[in-house]
N, C-alpha and C. Protein backbone atom coordinates (compact mmCIF):
# COMPACT_ATOMS: atom_id res chain seq x y z
N MET A 1 155.27 -87.15 176.08
CA MET A 1 155.30 -86.40 174.87
C MET A 1 154.50 -86.73 173.72
N ASP A 2 154.75 -87.92 173.38
CA ASP A 2 153.96 -88.60 172.22
C ASP A 2 152.62 -88.55 172.05
N ALA A 3 152.01 -88.66 173.27
CA ALA A 3 150.43 -88.37 173.46
C ALA A 3 150.29 -86.83 173.34
N LEU A 4 150.79 -85.92 173.71
CA LEU A 4 150.62 -84.59 173.43
C LEU A 4 150.87 -84.35 171.97
N GLU A 5 151.79 -84.60 171.34
CA GLU A 5 152.08 -84.60 169.88
C GLU A 5 150.97 -85.17 169.01
N SER A 6 150.44 -86.36 169.47
CA SER A 6 149.61 -87.14 168.72
C SER A 6 148.13 -86.32 168.85
N ILE A 7 147.68 -85.68 169.83
CA ILE A 7 146.57 -85.19 170.09
C ILE A 7 146.75 -83.86 169.53
N GLY A 8 147.78 -83.17 169.41
CA GLY A 8 148.03 -81.83 168.87
C GLY A 8 147.92 -81.96 167.40
N GLU A 9 148.53 -82.90 166.80
CA GLU A 9 148.64 -83.06 165.48
C GLU A 9 147.51 -83.56 164.78
N THR A 10 146.70 -84.68 165.56
CA THR A 10 145.40 -84.96 164.96
C THR A 10 144.38 -84.03 165.01
N THR A 11 144.10 -83.37 166.00
CA THR A 11 142.93 -82.26 166.27
C THR A 11 143.42 -80.89 165.26
N ARG A 12 144.63 -80.95 164.78
CA ARG A 12 145.12 -79.63 164.32
C ARG A 12 144.93 -78.48 165.26
N ALA A 13 145.51 -78.70 166.59
CA ALA A 13 145.32 -77.69 167.48
C ALA A 13 146.47 -76.67 167.03
N PHE A 14 146.39 -75.57 167.65
CA PHE A 14 147.38 -74.31 167.77
C PHE A 14 148.24 -74.79 168.74
N TRP A 15 147.96 -75.06 169.88
CA TRP A 15 148.84 -75.28 171.17
C TRP A 15 148.21 -76.07 172.03
N GLY A 16 148.95 -76.66 173.00
CA GLY A 16 148.50 -77.53 173.96
C GLY A 16 149.56 -77.72 174.95
N ARG A 17 149.27 -77.98 176.36
CA ARG A 17 150.22 -78.36 177.17
C ARG A 17 149.70 -79.61 178.00
N ALA A 18 150.70 -80.06 178.85
CA ALA A 18 150.48 -81.30 179.80
C ALA A 18 151.39 -80.77 180.96
N THR A 19 150.67 -80.82 182.19
CA THR A 19 151.25 -80.30 183.29
C THR A 19 150.83 -81.25 184.59
N PRO A 20 151.69 -81.60 185.44
CA PRO A 20 151.19 -82.26 186.57
C PRO A 20 150.04 -81.61 187.25
N GLU A 21 148.98 -82.33 187.83
CA GLU A 21 147.90 -81.80 188.33
C GLU A 21 148.07 -80.69 189.37
N GLY A 22 149.10 -80.90 190.32
CA GLY A 22 149.20 -79.90 191.54
C GLY A 22 149.73 -78.68 190.83
N VAL A 23 150.65 -78.86 189.94
CA VAL A 23 151.35 -77.78 189.37
C VAL A 23 150.45 -77.03 188.63
N ALA A 24 149.44 -77.54 187.77
CA ALA A 24 148.38 -76.91 186.80
C ALA A 24 147.44 -76.06 187.90
N ALA A 25 147.15 -76.60 188.94
CA ALA A 25 146.24 -75.76 189.83
C ALA A 25 147.04 -74.48 190.19
N LYS A 26 148.23 -74.53 190.64
CA LYS A 26 148.83 -73.28 191.17
C LYS A 26 149.23 -72.43 190.03
N MET A 27 149.50 -73.02 188.86
CA MET A 27 149.82 -72.12 187.62
C MET A 27 148.31 -71.24 187.08
N ALA A 28 147.29 -72.05 187.42
CA ALA A 28 145.84 -71.47 187.28
C ALA A 28 145.86 -70.19 188.04
N GLN A 29 146.54 -69.86 189.10
CA GLN A 29 146.51 -68.58 189.72
C GLN A 29 147.27 -67.48 188.86
N GLN A 30 147.85 -67.75 187.88
CA GLN A 30 148.49 -66.61 187.17
C GLN A 30 147.65 -65.80 186.51
N VAL A 31 146.28 -66.16 186.25
CA VAL A 31 145.38 -65.48 185.19
C VAL A 31 144.85 -64.54 186.24
N ARG A 32 144.89 -63.20 185.47
CA ARG A 32 144.82 -61.88 185.98
C ARG A 32 143.16 -61.71 185.65
N HIS A 33 142.19 -61.52 186.39
CA HIS A 33 140.65 -61.64 186.07
C HIS A 33 140.17 -60.36 185.74
N SER A 34 141.03 -59.08 186.30
CA SER A 34 140.45 -57.87 186.00
C SER A 34 141.61 -56.73 186.15
N VAL A 35 141.74 -55.96 185.13
CA VAL A 35 142.70 -55.16 185.09
C VAL A 35 142.58 -54.11 186.36
N ARG A 36 141.46 -53.90 186.99
CA ARG A 36 141.16 -52.76 188.05
C ARG A 36 141.67 -53.54 189.25
N ASP A 37 141.71 -54.83 189.48
CA ASP A 37 142.09 -55.38 190.52
C ASP A 37 143.28 -55.88 190.64
N PRO A 38 144.38 -55.64 191.76
CA PRO A 38 145.64 -55.99 192.07
C PRO A 38 145.67 -57.56 191.89
N HIS A 39 146.75 -57.81 191.40
CA HIS A 39 146.98 -59.51 191.24
C HIS A 39 148.36 -59.49 191.24
N VAL A 40 148.73 -60.58 192.14
CA VAL A 40 150.02 -61.05 192.34
C VAL A 40 150.05 -62.65 192.24
N PRO A 41 150.68 -62.95 191.00
CA PRO A 41 150.69 -64.42 190.82
C PRO A 41 151.37 -64.97 191.90
N PRO A 42 151.29 -66.56 191.99
CA PRO A 42 152.20 -67.20 192.91
C PRO A 42 153.61 -67.33 192.58
N LEU A 43 154.44 -67.34 193.48
CA LEU A 43 155.98 -67.89 193.22
C LEU A 43 156.79 -66.88 192.34
N GLY A 44 156.20 -65.57 192.07
CA GLY A 44 156.89 -64.67 191.20
C GLY A 44 156.64 -65.05 189.61
N LEU A 45 155.63 -65.74 189.28
CA LEU A 45 155.35 -65.99 187.69
C LEU A 45 154.52 -64.81 187.42
N PRO A 46 154.77 -64.69 186.27
CA PRO A 46 153.97 -63.50 185.53
C PRO A 46 152.48 -63.61 185.47
N ALA A 47 151.77 -62.49 185.53
CA ALA A 47 150.22 -62.55 185.45
C ALA A 47 150.12 -62.62 183.73
N ILE A 48 149.07 -63.70 183.45
CA ILE A 48 148.56 -63.83 182.17
C ILE A 48 147.17 -63.38 182.24
N LYS A 49 146.96 -63.09 180.83
CA LYS A 49 145.47 -62.44 180.58
C LYS A 49 144.31 -63.72 180.41
N LEU A 50 143.18 -63.43 180.60
CA LEU A 50 142.19 -64.14 180.39
C LEU A 50 142.19 -64.46 178.83
N THR A 51 141.76 -65.85 178.64
CA THR A 51 141.69 -66.34 177.17
C THR A 51 141.15 -65.38 176.10
N GLU A 52 139.96 -64.68 176.55
CA GLU A 52 139.44 -63.69 175.47
C GLU A 52 139.97 -62.45 175.33
N GLU A 53 141.09 -62.40 176.06
CA GLU A 53 141.96 -61.25 176.07
C GLU A 53 143.43 -61.21 174.98
N ILE A 54 143.47 -62.43 174.64
CA ILE A 54 144.60 -62.87 173.98
C ILE A 54 144.34 -62.70 172.52
N ARG A 55 145.17 -61.67 171.75
CA ARG A 55 144.72 -61.12 170.42
C ARG A 55 144.81 -62.34 169.32
N SER A 56 145.30 -63.54 169.56
CA SER A 56 145.22 -64.46 168.36
C SER A 56 145.33 -65.86 168.97
N PRO A 57 144.51 -66.84 168.48
CA PRO A 57 144.30 -68.18 168.94
C PRO A 57 145.66 -68.88 168.68
N GLU A 58 146.56 -68.45 167.91
CA GLU A 58 147.83 -69.17 167.71
C GLU A 58 148.49 -68.77 168.79
N ILE A 59 148.44 -67.90 169.86
CA ILE A 59 149.38 -67.60 170.62
C ILE A 59 148.72 -68.51 172.07
N PRO A 60 149.94 -69.30 172.43
CA PRO A 60 149.32 -70.03 173.70
C PRO A 60 149.14 -69.24 175.12
N HIS A 61 148.03 -69.84 175.57
CA HIS A 61 147.60 -69.26 176.75
C HIS A 61 148.52 -69.23 178.11
N HIS A 62 149.21 -70.39 178.05
CA HIS A 62 150.19 -70.36 179.47
C HIS A 62 151.00 -71.43 179.00
N LEU A 63 152.05 -71.58 179.70
CA LEU A 63 153.01 -72.59 179.60
C LEU A 63 152.87 -74.08 180.28
N GLY A 64 153.12 -75.32 180.01
CA GLY A 64 153.08 -76.09 180.76
C GLY A 64 154.60 -76.95 180.84
N TRP A 65 154.57 -78.19 181.55
CA TRP A 65 155.91 -78.90 181.52
C TRP A 65 156.07 -79.46 180.11
N LEU A 66 155.13 -80.03 179.42
CA LEU A 66 155.22 -80.31 177.93
C LEU A 66 154.23 -79.33 177.36
N ASN A 67 154.91 -78.75 176.19
CA ASN A 67 154.10 -78.10 175.20
C ASN A 67 153.94 -78.25 173.75
N TYR A 68 152.90 -78.47 173.37
CA TYR A 68 152.82 -78.52 171.81
C TYR A 68 152.39 -77.12 171.30
N TRP A 69 153.17 -76.69 170.00
CA TRP A 69 153.27 -75.55 169.44
C TRP A 69 153.05 -75.77 168.03
N SER A 70 151.98 -75.55 167.31
CA SER A 70 151.93 -75.96 165.96
C SER A 70 152.63 -75.04 165.15
N ALA A 71 152.94 -75.08 163.94
CA ALA A 71 153.85 -74.39 163.33
C ALA A 71 153.43 -72.64 163.33
N ALA A 72 152.13 -72.47 163.32
CA ALA A 72 151.75 -71.08 163.34
C ALA A 72 151.97 -70.65 164.87
N ALA A 73 151.73 -71.46 165.84
CA ALA A 73 152.02 -70.92 167.16
C ALA A 73 153.58 -70.53 167.45
N ALA A 74 154.39 -71.44 167.06
CA ALA A 74 155.87 -71.29 166.91
C ALA A 74 156.22 -69.91 166.42
N GLN A 75 155.54 -69.82 165.19
CA GLN A 75 155.93 -68.67 164.41
C GLN A 75 155.51 -67.42 165.27
N ALA A 76 154.19 -67.46 165.96
CA ALA A 76 153.82 -66.35 166.68
C ALA A 76 154.70 -65.94 167.79
N ILE A 77 155.31 -67.05 168.44
CA ILE A 77 156.03 -66.66 169.55
C ILE A 77 157.46 -66.52 169.42
N GLY A 78 158.00 -66.75 168.08
CA GLY A 78 159.51 -66.65 167.71
C GLY A 78 160.12 -67.80 168.15
N PHE A 79 159.51 -69.09 168.09
CA PHE A 79 160.38 -70.24 168.53
C PHE A 79 160.30 -71.21 166.99
N PRO A 80 161.61 -71.71 166.77
CA PRO A 80 163.03 -71.72 167.43
C PRO A 80 163.75 -70.46 167.06
N ASP A 81 164.68 -69.97 168.01
CA ASP A 81 165.59 -69.04 167.79
C ASP A 81 166.96 -69.93 168.14
N PRO A 82 167.75 -70.09 167.08
CA PRO A 82 168.95 -71.19 167.48
C PRO A 82 169.73 -70.48 168.65
N THR A 83 169.98 -69.36 168.55
CA THR A 83 170.98 -68.62 169.59
C THR A 83 170.17 -68.71 171.09
N ARG A 84 168.99 -68.48 171.11
CA ARG A 84 168.37 -67.93 172.14
C ARG A 84 167.86 -69.37 173.04
N ASP A 85 167.50 -70.46 171.99
CA ASP A 85 166.66 -71.64 172.43
C ASP A 85 167.25 -72.90 172.63
N ALA A 86 168.45 -72.61 172.82
CA ALA A 86 169.47 -73.95 172.66
C ALA A 86 169.12 -74.98 173.93
N GLU A 87 168.82 -74.37 174.98
CA GLU A 87 168.44 -75.43 176.07
C GLU A 87 167.13 -75.96 175.99
N LEU A 88 166.13 -75.24 175.49
CA LEU A 88 164.78 -75.81 175.04
C LEU A 88 164.90 -76.58 173.68
N LEU A 89 165.72 -76.38 172.89
CA LEU A 89 165.80 -77.30 171.54
C LEU A 89 166.33 -78.66 171.82
N SER A 90 167.16 -78.74 173.17
CA SER A 90 167.61 -79.95 173.51
C SER A 90 166.80 -80.95 174.04
N ARG A 91 165.33 -80.36 174.58
CA ARG A 91 164.25 -81.18 174.88
C ARG A 91 163.21 -80.96 174.03
N SER A 92 163.32 -80.72 172.88
CA SER A 92 162.26 -80.64 171.90
C SER A 92 162.46 -81.35 170.49
N ARG A 93 161.39 -81.35 169.80
CA ARG A 93 161.33 -82.38 168.62
C ARG A 93 160.22 -81.68 167.72
N ARG A 94 160.56 -81.81 166.40
CA ARG A 94 159.71 -81.25 165.48
C ARG A 94 158.47 -82.04 165.09
N THR A 95 157.48 -81.64 164.83
CA THR A 95 156.22 -82.65 164.53
C THR A 95 156.29 -82.64 162.99
N ALA A 96 155.40 -83.84 162.44
CA ALA A 96 155.26 -83.99 161.19
C ALA A 96 154.59 -82.66 160.31
N SER A 97 154.00 -82.09 161.17
CA SER A 97 153.07 -80.73 160.46
C SER A 97 154.19 -79.51 160.47
N GLY A 98 155.18 -79.52 161.16
CA GLY A 98 156.17 -78.52 161.22
C GLY A 98 156.12 -77.83 162.71
N GLY A 99 155.45 -78.36 163.41
CA GLY A 99 155.25 -77.64 164.87
C GLY A 99 156.16 -78.35 165.89
N TRP A 100 156.04 -78.03 167.03
CA TRP A 100 157.18 -78.46 168.00
C TRP A 100 156.51 -78.90 169.34
N VAL A 101 157.14 -79.92 169.76
CA VAL A 101 156.72 -80.49 171.05
C VAL A 101 158.01 -80.19 171.98
N VAL A 102 157.77 -79.43 173.13
CA VAL A 102 158.81 -78.69 173.80
C VAL A 102 158.75 -79.11 175.30
N GLN A 103 159.84 -79.67 175.95
CA GLN A 103 159.60 -79.98 177.35
C GLN A 103 160.58 -79.22 178.11
N LEU A 104 159.84 -78.41 179.17
CA LEU A 104 160.75 -77.34 179.80
C LEU A 104 161.91 -78.05 180.61
N THR A 105 161.50 -79.28 181.43
CA THR A 105 162.50 -79.65 182.33
C THR A 105 162.44 -81.29 182.18
N ASP A 106 163.61 -81.96 182.54
CA ASP A 106 163.82 -83.34 182.14
C ASP A 106 162.78 -84.07 183.02
N ALA A 107 162.58 -83.86 184.19
CA ALA A 107 161.53 -84.47 185.07
C ALA A 107 160.14 -83.73 185.05
N PRO A 108 159.21 -84.33 185.53
CA PRO A 108 158.03 -83.49 185.59
C PRO A 108 158.02 -82.23 186.23
N LEU A 109 157.38 -81.29 185.81
CA LEU A 109 157.48 -79.76 186.49
C LEU A 109 157.06 -80.01 187.98
N ASP A 110 157.93 -79.26 188.92
CA ASP A 110 157.74 -79.39 190.19
C ASP A 110 158.11 -77.90 190.72
N LEU A 111 156.99 -77.39 190.98
CA LEU A 111 157.11 -75.92 191.28
C LEU A 111 157.88 -75.50 192.81
N ASP A 112 158.10 -76.73 193.53
CA ASP A 112 158.82 -76.74 194.80
C ASP A 112 160.52 -76.98 194.53
N ASN A 113 160.76 -77.13 193.23
CA ASN A 113 161.94 -77.40 192.91
C ASN A 113 162.68 -76.21 192.35
N PRO A 114 163.53 -75.49 192.97
CA PRO A 114 163.89 -74.18 192.63
C PRO A 114 164.48 -74.19 190.89
N ALA A 115 164.98 -75.05 190.59
CA ALA A 115 165.75 -75.26 189.09
C ALA A 115 164.26 -75.36 188.14
N HIS A 116 163.34 -75.87 188.54
CA HIS A 116 162.11 -76.03 187.87
C HIS A 116 161.52 -74.89 187.59
N LEU A 117 161.37 -74.03 188.90
CA LEU A 117 160.58 -72.80 188.90
C LEU A 117 161.54 -71.62 188.06
N ASP A 118 162.66 -71.79 188.17
CA ASP A 118 163.47 -70.99 187.32
C ASP A 118 163.37 -71.30 185.78
N ALA A 119 163.36 -72.49 185.42
CA ALA A 119 163.12 -73.09 184.09
C ALA A 119 161.59 -72.33 183.55
N LEU A 120 160.88 -72.45 184.21
CA LEU A 120 159.56 -71.90 183.97
C LEU A 120 159.38 -70.39 183.78
N LYS A 121 160.15 -69.72 184.58
CA LYS A 121 160.27 -68.33 184.76
C LYS A 121 161.08 -67.95 183.40
N ARG A 122 162.08 -68.56 183.02
CA ARG A 122 163.02 -68.24 182.05
C ARG A 122 162.46 -68.32 180.56
N ALA A 123 161.30 -69.44 180.57
CA ALA A 123 160.67 -69.65 179.49
C ALA A 123 159.66 -68.48 179.30
N TYR A 124 158.99 -68.07 180.30
CA TYR A 124 158.00 -66.87 180.11
C TYR A 124 158.75 -65.83 179.75
N GLU A 125 159.98 -65.40 180.16
CA GLU A 125 160.57 -64.21 179.95
C GLU A 125 161.26 -64.26 178.43
N ARG A 126 161.42 -65.36 177.92
CA ARG A 126 161.65 -65.73 176.80
C ARG A 126 160.62 -65.58 175.65
N PHE A 127 159.37 -65.91 176.01
CA PHE A 127 158.40 -65.94 175.24
C PHE A 127 157.05 -64.94 175.78
N PRO A 128 157.28 -63.59 175.77
CA PRO A 128 156.26 -62.58 176.52
C PRO A 128 155.23 -62.77 175.90
N GLU A 129 154.80 -63.35 174.44
CA GLU A 129 153.61 -63.46 173.86
C GLU A 129 152.68 -64.42 174.55
N ILE A 130 153.53 -65.36 175.08
CA ILE A 130 152.59 -66.48 175.94
C ILE A 130 151.73 -65.75 176.95
N GLY A 131 150.34 -66.02 176.91
CA GLY A 131 149.67 -65.47 177.97
C GLY A 131 149.23 -63.98 177.46
N GLY A 132 149.34 -63.61 176.45
CA GLY A 132 149.17 -62.23 176.09
C GLY A 132 149.73 -61.05 176.87
N ARG A 133 151.08 -61.22 177.32
CA ARG A 133 151.88 -60.32 177.95
C ARG A 133 152.50 -59.41 177.00
N ALA A 134 152.65 -59.62 175.78
CA ALA A 134 153.69 -58.51 174.97
C ALA A 134 152.53 -57.60 174.43
N THR A 135 153.02 -56.35 174.30
CA THR A 135 152.22 -55.28 173.73
C THR A 135 152.47 -55.43 172.31
N PRO A 136 151.29 -55.33 171.63
CA PRO A 136 151.28 -55.36 169.94
C PRO A 136 152.08 -54.37 169.33
């Protein structure tokens, strides 16, 4: 968490994520490469758009186990909402620049763990802007 925050703050990034290697490869399969081709992402995860199809650089392209969201990114996705984000806030901390570092699960994300997969799906449901899935 410290390393992700340091990198995000130092580089003035809009967003970033850290995810275990095997999980990141599986999550990469969420990207829909063509609107004409049928696409079914793995494990019931939502399809996300290609980077160039996301309307603003502040909007994270995808979620990770650990997420760095600048103040601009957090505002773009509507985080935090104290009534809707209590669970995420319990594993989050504010950065010096007003951004957030958000941890989805207590242990490293494991998509074979039903509780972890549920946490990831809930986060995508909560933030439809992530991955360019929200309609403007």
